[in-house]
Amino acid sequence: MVFVGKGYLQMKRIAVFTLLAALSLAWSTPATAQRLDMEQSARKSQKDAKKQQKMYKKADKNQQKAIKKYQKSQEKAQRKANKQASQRAKHTV
């Protein structure tokens, strides 16, 4: 079955042109664009190490903050318990 309509041929032409444009773009990019040389690789690893160290420092800081908050709440609870115990002692005497 052969379609010989003006719209069909134009759609075919557009598809071929699009495919040709995509292939020409793919072939024009150099194959070595993805490779990293030694200097770039070292720089990237240093950057990643620095980023990881920063993340560890932030996590440590958050952990210290949580520990202080916990200690403060424990001290507050202890003061409250002592206060209640002293008030009970006053009333029983």
PDB file of N, CA and C in Angstrom:
ATOM      1  N   MET A   1       0.846  -1.170   0.000  1.00  0.00           N
ATOM      2  CA  MET A   1       0.000   0.000   0.000  1.00  0.00           C
ATOM      3  C   MET A   1       0.898   1.242   0.000  1.00  0.00           C
ATOM      4  N   VAL A   2       0.728   2.110  -0.908  1.00  0.00           N
ATOM      5  CA  VAL A   2       1.581   3.280  -1.067  1.00  0.00           C
ATOM      6  C   VAL A   2       0.753   4.530  -0.823  1.00  0.00           C
ATOM      7  N   PHE A   3       1.234   5.378   0.101  1.00  0.00           N
ATOM      8  CA  PHE A   3       0.568   6.653   0.362  1.00  0.00           C
ATOM      9  C   PHE A   3       1.299   7.728  -0.419  1.00  0.00           C
ATOM     10  N   VAL A   4       0.576   8.422  -1.237  1.00  0.00           N
ATOM     11  CA  VAL A   4       1.207   9.480  -2.005  1.00  0.00           C
ATOM     12  C   VAL A   4       0.444  10.771  -1.739  1.00  0.00           C
ATOM     13  N   GLY A   5       0.412  11.152  -0.503  1.00  0.00           N
ATOM     14  CA  GLY A   5      -0.250  12.396  -0.152  1.00  0.00           C
ATOM     15  C   GLY A   5       0.795  13.433   0.168  1.00  0.00           C
ATOM     16  N   LYS A   6       0.405  14.704   0.042  1.00  0.00           N
ATOM     17  CA  LYS A   6       1.354  15.786   0.301  1.00  0.00           C
ATOM     18  C   LYS A   6       1.781  15.797   1.774  1.00  0.00           C
ATOM     19  N   GLY A   7       0.835  15.573   2.685  1.00  0.00           N
ATOM     20  CA  GLY A   7       1.139  15.564   4.112  1.00  0.00           C
ATOM     21  C   GLY A   7       2.054  14.418   4.501  1.00  0.00           C
ATOM     22  N   TYR A   8       1.856  13.261   3.894  1.00  0.00           N
ATOM     23  CA  TYR A   8       2.668  12.090   4.209  1.00  0.00           C
ATOM     24  C   TYR A   8       4.120  12.314   3.809  1.00  0.00           C
ATOM     25  N   LEU A   9       4.329  12.864   2.615  1.00  0.00           N
ATOM     26  CA  LEU A   9       5.701  13.125   2.166  1.00  0.00           C
ATOM     27  C   LEU A   9       6.376  14.197   3.014  1.00  0.00           C
ATOM     28  N   GLN A  10       5.596  15.198   3.423  1.00  0.00           N
ATOM     29  CA  GLN A  10       6.179  16.257   4.246  1.00  0.00           C
ATOM     30  C   GLN A  10       6.562  15.702   5.620  1.00  0.00           C
ATOM     31  N   MET A  11       5.735  14.825   6.204  1.00  0.00           N
ATOM     32  CA  MET A  11       6.055  14.207   7.486  1.00  0.00           C
ATOM     33  C   MET A  11       7.304  13.352   7.366  1.00  0.00           C
ATOM     34  N   LYS A  12       7.417  12.642   6.244  1.00  0.00           N
ATOM     35  CA  LYS A  12       8.592  11.820   6.009  1.00  0.00           C
ATOM     36  C   LYS A  12       9.844  12.690   5.913  1.00  0.00           C
ATOM     37  N   ARG A  13       9.720  13.820   5.208  1.00  0.00           N
ATOM     38  CA  ARG A  13      10.837  14.733   5.026  1.00  0.00           C
ATOM     39  C   ARG A  13      11.275  15.307   6.378  1.00  0.00           C
ATOM     40  N   ILE A  14      10.309  15.682   7.212  1.00  0.00           N
ATOM     41  CA  ILE A  14      10.629  16.236   8.531  1.00  0.00           C
ATOM     42  C   ILE A  14      11.328  15.193   9.392  1.00  0.00           C
ATOM     43  N   ALA A  15      10.844  13.945   9.344  1.00  0.00           N
ATOM     44  CA  ALA A  15      11.455  12.873  10.130  1.00  0.00           C
ATOM     45  C   ALA A  15      12.888  12.622   9.693  1.00  0.00           C
ATOM     46  N   VAL A  16      13.127  12.604   8.399  1.00  0.00           N
ATOM     47  CA  VAL A  16      14.483  12.380   7.882  1.00  0.00           C
ATOM     48  C   VAL A  16      15.387  13.542   8.265  1.00  0.00           C
ATOM     49  N   PHE A  17      14.894  14.766   8.154  1.00  0.00           N
ATOM     50  CA  PHE A  17      15.691  15.934   8.516  1.00  0.00           C
ATOM     51  C   PHE A  17      16.033  15.922  10.012  1.00  0.00           C
ATOM     52  N   THR A  18      15.070  15.575  10.845  1.00  0.00           N
ATOM     53  CA  THR A  18      15.308  15.514  12.293  1.00  0.00           C
ATOM     54  C   THR A  18      16.349  14.448  12.627  1.00  0.00           C
ATOM     55  N   LEU A  19      16.213  13.293  12.017  1.00  0.00           N
ATOM     56  CA  LEU A  19      17.174  12.213  12.246  1.00  0.00           C
ATOM     57  C   LEU A  19      18.571  12.621  11.785  1.00  0.00           C
ATOM     58  N   LEU A  20      18.655  13.259  10.636  1.00  0.00           N
ATOM     59  CA  LEU A  20      19.939  13.721  10.111  1.00  0.00           C
ATOM     60  C   LEU A  20      20.563  14.760  11.044  1.00  0.00           C
ATOM     61  N   ALA A  21      19.769  15.685  11.548  1.00  0.00           N
ATOM     62  CA  ALA A  21      20.279  16.715  12.459  1.00  0.00           C
ATOM     63  C   ALA A  21      20.781  16.077  13.755  1.00  0.00           C
ATOM     64  N   ALA A  22      20.042  15.118  14.281  1.00  0.00           N
ATOM     65  CA  ALA A  22      20.458  14.454  15.516  1.00  0.00           C
ATOM     66  C   ALA A  22      21.758  13.685  15.320  1.00  0.00           C
ATOM     67  N   LEU A  23      21.875  12.986  14.221  1.00  0.00           N
ATOM     68  CA  LEU A  23      23.100  12.235  13.954  1.00  0.00           C
ATOM     69  C   LEU A  23      24.293  13.158  13.742  1.00  0.00           C
ATOM     70  N   SER A  24      24.088  14.275  13.055  1.00  0.00           N
ATOM     71  CA  SER A  24      25.212  15.187  12.827  1.00  0.00           C
ATOM     72  C   SER A  24      25.679  15.796  14.146  1.00  0.00           C
ATOM     73  N   LEU A  25      24.749  16.090  15.061  1.00  0.00           N
ATOM     74  CA  LEU A  25      25.149  16.602  16.373  1.00  0.00           C
ATOM     75  C   LEU A  25      25.912  15.542  17.161  1.00  0.00           C
ATOM     76  N   ALA A  26      25.465  14.305  17.090  1.00  0.00           N
ATOM     77  CA  ALA A  26      26.135  13.232  17.815  1.00  0.00           C
ATOM     78  C   ALA A  26      27.548  12.998  17.287  1.00  0.00           C
ATOM     79  N   TRP A  27      27.710  13.067  15.973  1.00  0.00           N
ATOM     80  CA  TRP A  27      29.030  12.833  15.392  1.00  0.00           C
ATOM     81  C   TRP A  27      29.970  14.013  15.586  1.00  0.00           C
ATOM     82  N   SER A  28      29.417  15.225  15.720  1.00  0.00           N
ATOM     83  CA  SER A  28      30.282  16.399  15.831  1.00  0.00           C
ATOM     84  C   SER A  28      30.900  16.531  17.223  1.00  0.00           C
ATOM     85  N   THR A  29      30.276  15.945  18.265  1.00  0.00           N
ATOM     86  CA  THR A  29      30.859  16.034  19.601  1.00  0.00           C
ATOM     87  C   THR A  29      32.063  15.103  19.682  1.00  0.00           C
ATOM     88  N   PRO A  30      33.143  15.570  20.250  1.00  0.00           N
ATOM     89  CA  PRO A  30      34.339  14.729  20.330  1.00  0.00           C
ATOM     90  C   PRO A  30      34.144  13.579  21.323  1.00  0.00           C
ATOM     91  N   ALA A  31      34.756  12.469  21.025  1.00  0.00           N
ATOM     92  CA  ALA A  31      34.627  11.284  21.878  1.00  0.00           C
ATOM     93  C   ALA A  31      35.414  11.444  23.173  1.00  0.00           C
ATOM     94  N   THR A  32      36.402  12.309  23.199  1.00  0.00           N
ATOM     95  CA  THR A  32      37.240  12.482  24.381  1.00  0.00           C
ATOM     96  C   THR A  32      36.665  13.505  25.352  1.00  0.00           C
ATOM     97  N   ALA A  33      35.501  14.024  25.082  1.00  0.00           N
ATOM     98  CA  ALA A  33      34.917  15.051  25.961  1.00  0.00           C
ATOM     99  C   ALA A  33      34.602  14.490  27.334  1.00  0.00           C
ATOM    100  N   GLN A  34      34.354  13.220  27.452  1.00  0.00           N
ATOM    101  CA  GLN A  34      33.988  12.617  28.717  1.00  0.00           C
ATOM    102  C   GLN A  34      35.193  12.216  29.570  1.00  0.00           C
ATOM    103  N   ARG A  35      36.342  12.099  28.980  1.00  0.00           N
ATOM    104  CA  ARG A  35      37.521  11.646  29.713  1.00  0.00           C
ATOM    105  C   ARG A  35      38.097  12.758  30.569  1.00  0.00           C
ATOM    106  N   LEU A  36      38.573  12.394  31.743  1.00  0.00           N
ATOM    107  CA  LEU A  36      39.232  13.348  32.629  1.00  0.00           C
ATOM    108  C   LEU A  36      40.723  13.016  32.674  1.00  0.00           C
ATOM    109  N   ASP A  37      41.538  14.030  32.564  1.00  0.00           N
ATOM    110  CA  ASP A  37      42.961  13.755  32.687  1.00  0.00           C
ATOM    111  C   ASP A  37      43.320  13.679  34.178  1.00  0.00           C
ATOM    112  N   MET A  38      44.550  13.375  34.467  1.00  0.00           N
ATOM    113  CA  MET A  38      44.986  13.132  35.843  1.00  0.00           C
ATOM    114  C   MET A  38      44.770  14.360  36.739  1.00  0.00           C
ATOM    115  N   GLU A  39      45.075  15.536  36.223  1.00  0.00           N
ATOM    116  CA  GLU A  39      44.948  16.756  37.015  1.00  0.00           C
ATOM    117  C   GLU A  39      43.486  17.020  37.378  1.00  0.00           C
ATOM    118  N   GLN A  40      42.601  16.864  36.411  1.00  0.00           N
ATOM    119  CA  GLN A  40      41.180  17.073  36.665  1.00  0.00           C
ATOM    120  C   GLN A  40      40.639  16.030  37.633  1.00  0.00           C
ATOM    121  N   SER A  41      41.112  14.812  37.494  1.00  0.00           N
ATOM    122  CA  SER A  41      40.665  13.742  38.384  1.00  0.00           C
ATOM    123  C   SER A  41      41.103  14.020  39.824  1.00  0.00           C
ATOM    124  N   ALA A  42      42.355  14.466  39.986  1.00  0.00           N
ATOM    125  CA  ALA A  42      42.865  14.790  41.322  1.00  0.00           C
ATOM    126  C   ALA A  42      42.087  15.950  41.926  1.00  0.00           C
ATOM    127  N   ARG A  43      41.788  16.950  41.117  1.00  0.00           N
ATOM    128  CA  ARG A  43      41.039  18.109  41.585  1.00  0.00           C
ATOM    129  C   ARG A  43      39.630  17.700  42.020  1.00  0.00           C
ATOM    130  N   LYS A  44      39.032  16.826  41.235  1.00  0.00           N
ATOM    131  CA  LYS A  44      37.682  16.355  41.553  1.00  0.00           C
ATOM    132  C   LYS A  44      37.679  15.538  42.844  1.00  0.00           C
ATOM    133  N   SER A  45      38.673  14.686  43.017  1.00  0.00           N
ATOM    134  CA  SER A  45      38.724  13.876  44.240  1.00  0.00           C
ATOM    135  C   SER A  45      38.989  14.753  45.465  1.00  0.00           C
ATOM    136  N   GLN A  46      39.814  15.791  45.317  1.00  0.00           N
ATOM    137  CA  GLN A  46      40.057  16.718  46.428  1.00  0.00           C
ATOM    138  C   GLN A  46      38.777  17.467  46.787  1.00  0.00           C
ATOM    139  N   LYS A  47      38.061  17.874  45.766  1.00  0.00           N
ATOM    140  CA  LYS A  47      36.804  18.595  45.978  1.00  0.00           C
ATOM    141  C   LYS A  47      35.794  17.693  46.685  1.00  0.00           C
ATOM    142  N   ASP A  48      35.718  16.440  46.263  1.00  0.00           N
ATOM    143  CA  ASP A  48      34.803  15.488  46.890  1.00  0.00           C
ATOM    144  C   ASP A  48      35.192  15.210  48.341  1.00  0.00           C
ATOM    145  N   ALA A  49      36.511  15.098  48.595  1.00  0.00           N
ATOM    146  CA  ALA A  49      36.979  14.854  49.955  1.00  0.00           C
ATOM    147  C   ALA A  49      36.641  16.036  50.855  1.00  0.00           C
ATOM    148  N   LYS A  50      36.813  17.236  50.335  1.00  0.00           N
ATOM    149  CA  LYS A  50      36.505  18.443  51.094  1.00  0.00           C
ATOM    150  C   LYS A  50      35.003  18.517  51.392  1.00  0.00           C
ATOM    151  N   LYS A  51      34.218  18.156  50.423  1.00  0.00           N
ATOM    152  CA  LYS A  51      32.763  18.153  50.593  1.00  0.00           C
ATOM    153  C   LYS A  51      32.345  17.135  51.655  1.00  0.00           C
ATOM    154  N   GLN A  52      32.962  15.962  51.629  1.00  0.00           N
ATOM    155  CA  GLN A  52      32.648  14.920  52.604  1.00  0.00           C
ATOM    156  C   GLN A  52      33.079  15.351  54.007  1.00  0.00           C
ATOM    157  N   GLN A  53      34.246  15.982  54.106  1.00  0.00           N
ATOM    158  CA  GLN A  53      34.739  16.453  55.400  1.00  0.00           C
ATOM    159  C   GLN A  53      33.795  17.513  55.972  1.00  0.00           C
ATOM    160  N   LYS A  54      33.306  18.386  55.108  1.00  0.00           N
ATOM    161  CA  LYS A  54      32.360  19.414  55.531  1.00  0.00           C
ATOM    162  C   LYS A  54      31.069  18.769  56.049  1.00  0.00           C
ATOM    163  N   MET A  55      30.632  17.726  55.364  1.00  0.00           N
ATOM    164  CA  MET A  55      29.427  17.009  55.769  1.00  0.00           C
ATOM    165  C   MET A  55      29.632  16.347  57.137  1.00  0.00           C
ATOM    166  N   TYR A  56      30.819  15.749  57.357  1.00  0.00           N
ATOM    167  CA  TYR A  56      31.123  15.127  58.648  1.00  0.00           C
ATOM    168  C   TYR A  56      31.137  16.164  59.769  1.00  0.00           C
ATOM    169  N   LYS A  57      31.736  17.339  59.499  1.00  0.00           N
ATOM    170  CA  LYS A  57      31.778  18.398  60.505  1.00  0.00           C
ATOM    171  C   LYS A  57      30.372  18.847  60.872  1.00  0.00           C
ATOM    172  N   LYS A  58      29.525  18.975  59.876  1.00  0.00           N
ATOM    173  CA  LYS A  58      28.151  19.404  60.116  1.00  0.00           C
ATOM    174  C   LYS A  58      27.401  18.361  60.940  1.00  0.00           C
ATOM    175  N   ALA A  59      27.596  17.085  60.616  1.00  0.00           N
ATOM    176  CA  ALA A  59      26.935  16.010  61.365  1.00  0.00           C
ATOM    177  C   ALA A  59      27.436  15.984  62.805  1.00  0.00           C
ATOM    178  N   ASP A  60      28.737  16.185  62.987  1.00  0.00           N
ATOM    179  CA  ASP A  60      29.317  16.207  64.334  1.00  0.00           C
ATOM    180  C   ASP A  60      28.762  17.373  65.140  1.00  0.00           C
ATOM    181  N   LYS A  61      28.638  18.517  64.501  1.00  0.00           N
ATOM    182  CA  LYS A  61      28.102  19.699  65.164  1.00  0.00           C
ATOM    183  C   LYS A  61      26.653  19.459  65.591  1.00  0.00           C
ATOM    184  N   ASN A  62      25.869  18.846  64.716  1.00  0.00           N
ATOM    185  CA  ASN A  62      24.478  18.543  65.048  1.00  0.00           C
ATOM    186  C   ASN A  62      24.385  17.528  66.187  1.00  0.00           C
ATOM    187  N   GLN A  63      25.300  16.568  66.192  1.00  0.00           N
ATOM    188  CA  GLN A  63      25.309  15.565  67.260  1.00  0.00           C
ATOM    189  C   GLN A  63      25.663  16.215  68.605  1.00  0.00           C
ATOM    190  N   GLN A  64      26.663  17.087  68.608  1.00  0.00           N
ATOM    191  CA  GLN A  64      27.040  17.786  69.836  1.00  0.00           C
ATOM    192  C   GLN A  64      25.878  18.637  70.353  1.00  0.00           C
ATOM    193  N   LYS A  65      25.192  19.268  69.430  1.00  0.00           N
ATOM    194  CA  LYS A  65      24.047  20.098  69.791  1.00  0.00           C
ATOM    195  C   LYS A  65      22.944  19.241  70.426  1.00  0.00           C
ATOM    196  N   ALA A  66      22.701  18.066  69.860  1.00  0.00           N
ATOM    197  CA  ALA A  66      21.684  17.154  70.396  1.00  0.00           C
ATOM    198  C   ALA A  66      22.083  16.654  71.780  1.00  0.00           C
ATOM    199  N   ILE A  67      23.374  16.370  71.976  1.00  0.00           N
ATOM    200  CA  ILE A  67      23.859  15.908  73.285  1.00  0.00           C
ATOM    201  C   ILE A  67      23.651  16.996  74.338  1.00  0.00           C
ATOM    202  N   LYS A  68      23.993  18.244  73.995  1.00  0.00           N
ATOM    203  CA  LYS A  68      23.805  19.354  74.937  1.00  0.00           C
ATOM    204  C   LYS A  68      22.332  19.531  75.281  1.00  0.00           C
ATOM    205  N   LYS A  69      21.482  19.414  74.276  1.00  0.00           N
ATOM    206  CA  LYS A  69      20.042  19.557  74.501  1.00  0.00           C
ATOM    207  C   LYS A  69      19.534  18.459  75.434  1.00  0.00           C
ATOM    208  N   TYR A  70      20.009  17.240  75.221  1.00  0.00           N
ATOM    209  CA  TYR A  70      19.612  16.113  76.072  1.00  0.00           C
ATOM    210  C   TYR A  70      20.090  16.332  77.511  1.00  0.00           C
ATOM    211  N   GLN A  71      21.352  16.756  77.666  1.00  0.00           N
ATOM    212  CA  GLN A  71      21.889  16.994  79.002  1.00  0.00           C
ATOM    213  C   GLN A  71      21.102  18.092  79.719  1.00  0.00           C
ATOM    214  N   LYS A  72      20.757  19.137  78.980  1.00  0.00           N
ATOM    215  CA  LYS A  72      20.008  20.240  79.567  1.00  0.00           C
ATOM    216  C   LYS A  72      18.630  19.765  80.040  1.00  0.00           C
ATOM    217  N   SER A  73      17.979  18.932  79.227  1.00  0.00           N
ATOM    218  CA  SER A  73      16.660  18.422  79.627  1.00  0.00           C
ATOM    219  C   SER A  73      16.774  17.494  80.834  1.00  0.00           C
ATOM    220  N   GLN A  74      17.866  16.719  80.916  1.00  0.00           N
ATOM    221  CA  GLN A  74      18.077  15.842  82.073  1.00  0.00           C
ATOM    222  C   GLN A  74      18.300  16.661  83.345  1.00  0.00           C
ATOM    223  N   GLU A  75      19.091  17.737  83.230  1.00  0.00           N
ATOM    224  CA  GLU A  75      19.334  18.603  84.381  1.00  0.00           C
ATOM    225  C   GLU A  75      18.045  19.265  84.844  1.00  0.00           C
ATOM    226  N   LYS A  76      17.245  19.690  83.886  1.00  0.00           N
ATOM    227  CA  LYS A  76      15.970  20.327  84.214  1.00  0.00           C
ATOM    228  C   LYS A  76      15.045  19.335  84.927  1.00  0.00           C
ATOM    229  N   ALA A  77      14.997  18.113  84.426  1.00  0.00           N
ATOM    230  CA  ALA A  77      14.167  17.082  85.056  1.00  0.00           C
ATOM    231  C   ALA A  77      14.668  16.766  86.466  1.00  0.00           C
ATOM    232  N   GLN A  78      15.979  16.747  86.641  1.00  0.00           N
ATOM    233  CA  GLN A  78      16.562  16.473  87.963  1.00  0.00           C
ATOM    234  C   GLN A  78      16.220  17.601  88.938  1.00  0.00           C
ATOM    235  N   ARG A  79      16.320  18.855  88.485  1.00  0.00           N
ATOM    236  CA  ARG A  79      15.970  20.004  89.339  1.00  0.00           C
ATOM    237  C   ARG A  79      14.496  19.939  89.752  1.00  0.00           C
ATOM    238  N   LYS A  80      13.658  19.586  88.791  1.00  0.00           N
ATOM    239  CA  LYS A  80      12.229  19.477  89.068  1.00  0.00           C
ATOM    240  C   LYS A  80      11.963  18.380  90.103  1.00  0.00           C
ATOM    241  N   ALA A  81      12.630  17.236  89.932  1.00  0.00           N
ATOM    242  CA  ALA A  81      12.466  16.129  90.881  1.00  0.00           C
ATOM    243  C   ALA A  81      12.947  16.530  92.266  1.00  0.00           C
ATOM    244  N   ASN A  82      14.085  17.230  92.345  1.00  0.00           N
ATOM    245  CA  ASN A  82      14.615  17.683  93.628  1.00  0.00           C
ATOM    246  C   ASN A  82      13.668  18.675  94.297  1.00  0.00           C
ATOM    247  N   LYS A  83      13.098  19.562  93.490  1.00  0.00           N
ATOM    248  CA  LYS A  83      12.183  20.567  94.016  1.00  0.00           C
ATOM    249  C   LYS A  83      10.935  19.893  94.590  1.00  0.00           C
ATOM    250  N   GLN A  84      10.412  18.922  93.846  1.00  0.00           N
ATOM    251  CA  GLN A  84       9.222  18.202  94.326  1.00  0.00           C
ATOM    252  C   GLN A  84       9.540  17.413  95.597  1.00  0.00           C
ATOM    253  N   ALA A  85      10.720  16.807  95.640  1.00  0.00           N
ATOM    254  CA  ALA A  85      11.111  16.040  96.820  1.00  0.00           C
ATOM    255  C   ALA A  85      11.256  16.962  98.040  1.00  0.00           C
ATOM    256  N   SER A  86      11.834  18.143  97.827  1.00  0.00           N
ATOM    257  CA  SER A  86      11.998  19.081  98.961  1.00  0.00           C
ATOM    258  C   SER A  86      10.648  19.609  99.423  1.00  0.00           C
ATOM    259  N   GLN A  87       9.723  19.818  98.503  1.00  0.00           N
ATOM    260  CA  GLN A  87       8.381  20.291  98.900  1.00  0.00           C
ATOM    261  C   GLN A  87       7.645  19.198  99.679  1.00  0.00           C
ATOM    262  N   ARG A  88       7.785  17.949  99.285  1.00  0.00           N
ATOM    263  CA  ARG A  88       7.170  16.840 100.002  1.00  0.00           C
ATOM    264  C   ARG A  88       7.768  16.722 101.417  1.00  0.00           C
ATOM    265  N   ALA A  89       9.071  16.961 101.482  1.00  0.00           N
ATOM    266  CA  ALA A  89       9.742  16.871 102.770  1.00  0.00           C
ATOM    267  C   ALA A  89       9.253  17.985 103.710  1.00  0.00           C
ATOM    268  N   LYS A  90       8.986  19.169 103.189  1.00  0.00           N
ATOM    269  CA  LYS A  90       8.490  20.281 103.981  1.00  0.00           C
ATOM    270  C   LYS A  90       7.107  19.971 104.537  1.00  0.00           C
ATOM    271  N   HIS A  91       6.268  19.359 103.671  1.00  0.00           N
ATOM    272  CA  HIS A  91       4.893  19.094 104.080  1.00  0.00           C
ATOM    273  C   HIS A  91       4.795  17.935 105.064  1.00  0.00           C
ATOM    274  N   THR A  92       5.731  17.036 105.022  1.00  0.00           N
ATOM    275  CA  THR A  92       5.674  15.880 105.925  1.00  0.00           C
ATOM    276  C   THR A  92       6.262  16.213 107.288  1.00  0.00           C
ATOM    277  N   VAL A  93       7.048  17.248 107.384  1.00  0.00           N
ATOM    278  CA  VAL A  93       7.675  17.593 108.666  1.00  0.00           C
ATOM    279  C   VAL A  93       6.769  18.395 109.512  1.00  0.00           C
TER     280      VAL A  93
END
